[in-house]
Amino acid sequence: MHSFGYRANALLTFAITILALMCAMASLSDNFNSPSPNSQVQVLNINWFQKKPDGDDEVILRICWVTGACFRGKLCIDCRFYFYVCF
């Protein structure tokens, strides 16, 4: 039967070998990649200073981001800014 030291050495050697293979595969696949990212950002709508019932002001800004790389889709974000009345 092998001692703990032999088993730990074999496990460590195996893990380092697998890690080296994964690094080599990633490096090889990176050489064949030709990135061509493109994206488009649009400000679709700005709702200027709307009065809220409690007297505060609110501005809503809608931003849409259209991608054309790996993920094809449209991501829209509504940014809300509040201006509080403090007395």
Protein backbone atom coordinates (compact mmCIF):
# COMPACT_ATOMS: atom_id res chain seq x y z
CA MET A 1 0.00 0.00 0.00
CA HIS A 2 1.23 3.49 -0.85
CA SER A 3 1.80 6.12 1.80
CA PHE A 4 -0.03 9.42 2.07
CA GLY A 5 2.93 11.26 0.53
CA TYR A 6 2.89 9.14 -2.62
CA ARG A 7 -0.86 9.57 -3.04
CA ALA A 8 -0.70 13.34 -2.49
CA ASN A 9 2.16 13.63 -4.99
CA ALA A 10 0.22 11.64 -7.60
CA LEU A 11 -2.91 13.75 -7.08
CA LEU A 12 -0.97 17.02 -7.27
CA THR A 13 0.87 15.90 -10.42
CA PHE A 14 -2.43 14.87 -12.03
CA ALA A 15 -4.10 18.21 -11.13
CA ILE A 16 -1.18 20.25 -12.49
CA THR A 17 -1.17 18.18 -15.70
CA ILE A 18 -4.90 18.76 -16.24
CA LEU A 19 -4.47 22.50 -15.53
CA ALA A 20 -1.59 22.69 -18.05
CA LEU A 21 -3.74 20.93 -20.68
CA MET A 22 -6.63 23.32 -20.06
CA CYS A 23 -4.29 26.34 -20.40
CA ALA A 24 -2.84 24.96 -23.65
CA MET A 25 -6.34 24.37 -25.08
CA ALA A 26 -7.45 27.88 -24.12
CA SER A 27 -4.34 29.41 -25.67
CA LEU A 28 -4.81 27.39 -28.87
CA SER A 29 -8.48 28.32 -29.20
CA ASP A 30 -7.63 31.99 -28.58
CA ASN A 31 -5.27 31.97 -31.57
CA PHE A 32 -8.08 30.90 -33.93
CA ASN A 33 -10.57 33.46 -32.66
CA SER A 34 -11.17 36.64 -34.64
CA PRO A 35 -13.31 38.95 -32.48
CA SER A 36 -15.64 41.34 -34.22
CA PRO A 37 -17.76 42.98 -31.53
CA ASN A 38 -20.36 45.55 -32.40
CA SER A 39 -22.99 47.20 -30.31
CA GLN A 40 -25.34 50.11 -30.44
CA VAL A 41 -26.62 52.22 -27.56
CA GLN A 42 -29.69 54.41 -27.94
CA VAL A 43 -31.42 56.81 -25.60
CA LEU A 44 -35.03 56.10 -26.51
CA ASN A 45 -36.96 58.33 -24.21
CA ILE A 46 -36.45 60.96 -21.53
CA ASN A 47 -39.45 61.87 -19.44
CA TRP A 48 -38.46 65.20 -17.97
CA PHE A 49 -39.46 66.19 -14.43
CA GLN A 50 -42.78 64.62 -13.67
CA LYS A 51 -44.44 65.68 -10.44
CA LYS A 52 -45.20 62.90 -8.03
CA PRO A 53 -48.17 63.08 -5.64
CA ASP A 54 -45.88 63.75 -2.66
CA GLY A 55 -44.39 66.85 -4.34
CA ASP A 56 -41.08 65.32 -5.43
CA ASP A 57 -39.81 65.40 -9.01
CA GLU A 58 -38.90 62.31 -11.03
CA VAL A 59 -36.92 61.91 -14.29
CA ILE A 60 -37.02 58.63 -16.21
CA LEU A 61 -34.31 57.86 -18.78
CA ARG A 62 -34.71 54.78 -21.00
CA ILE A 63 -31.49 53.40 -22.51
CA CYS A 64 -31.43 50.44 -24.91
CA TRP A 65 -28.36 48.47 -25.87
CA VAL A 66 -28.46 46.31 -29.01
CA THR A 67 -25.74 43.69 -29.39
CA GLY A 68 -24.69 41.77 -32.44
CA ALA A 69 -21.91 39.52 -31.19
CA CYS A 70 -22.48 36.18 -29.46
CA PHE A 71 -25.62 37.31 -27.65
CA ARG A 72 -28.08 38.80 -30.08
CA GLY A 73 -30.69 40.79 -28.31
CA LYS A 74 -31.82 44.06 -26.87
CA LEU A 75 -31.35 45.16 -23.28
CA CYS A 76 -33.35 48.14 -22.08
CA ILE A 77 -32.78 49.90 -18.76
CA ASP A 78 -35.02 52.47 -17.12
CA CYS A 79 -32.99 54.85 -14.97
CA ARG A 80 -35.08 56.76 -12.45
CA PHE A 81 -33.76 59.89 -10.81
CA TYR A 82 -35.63 61.38 -7.88
CA PHE A 83 -35.32 64.96 -6.72
CA TYR A 84 -36.65 65.34 -3.20
CA VAL A 85 -38.05 68.48 -1.73
CA CYS A 86 -36.41 69.08 1.64
CA PHE A 87 -37.42 71.88 3.98
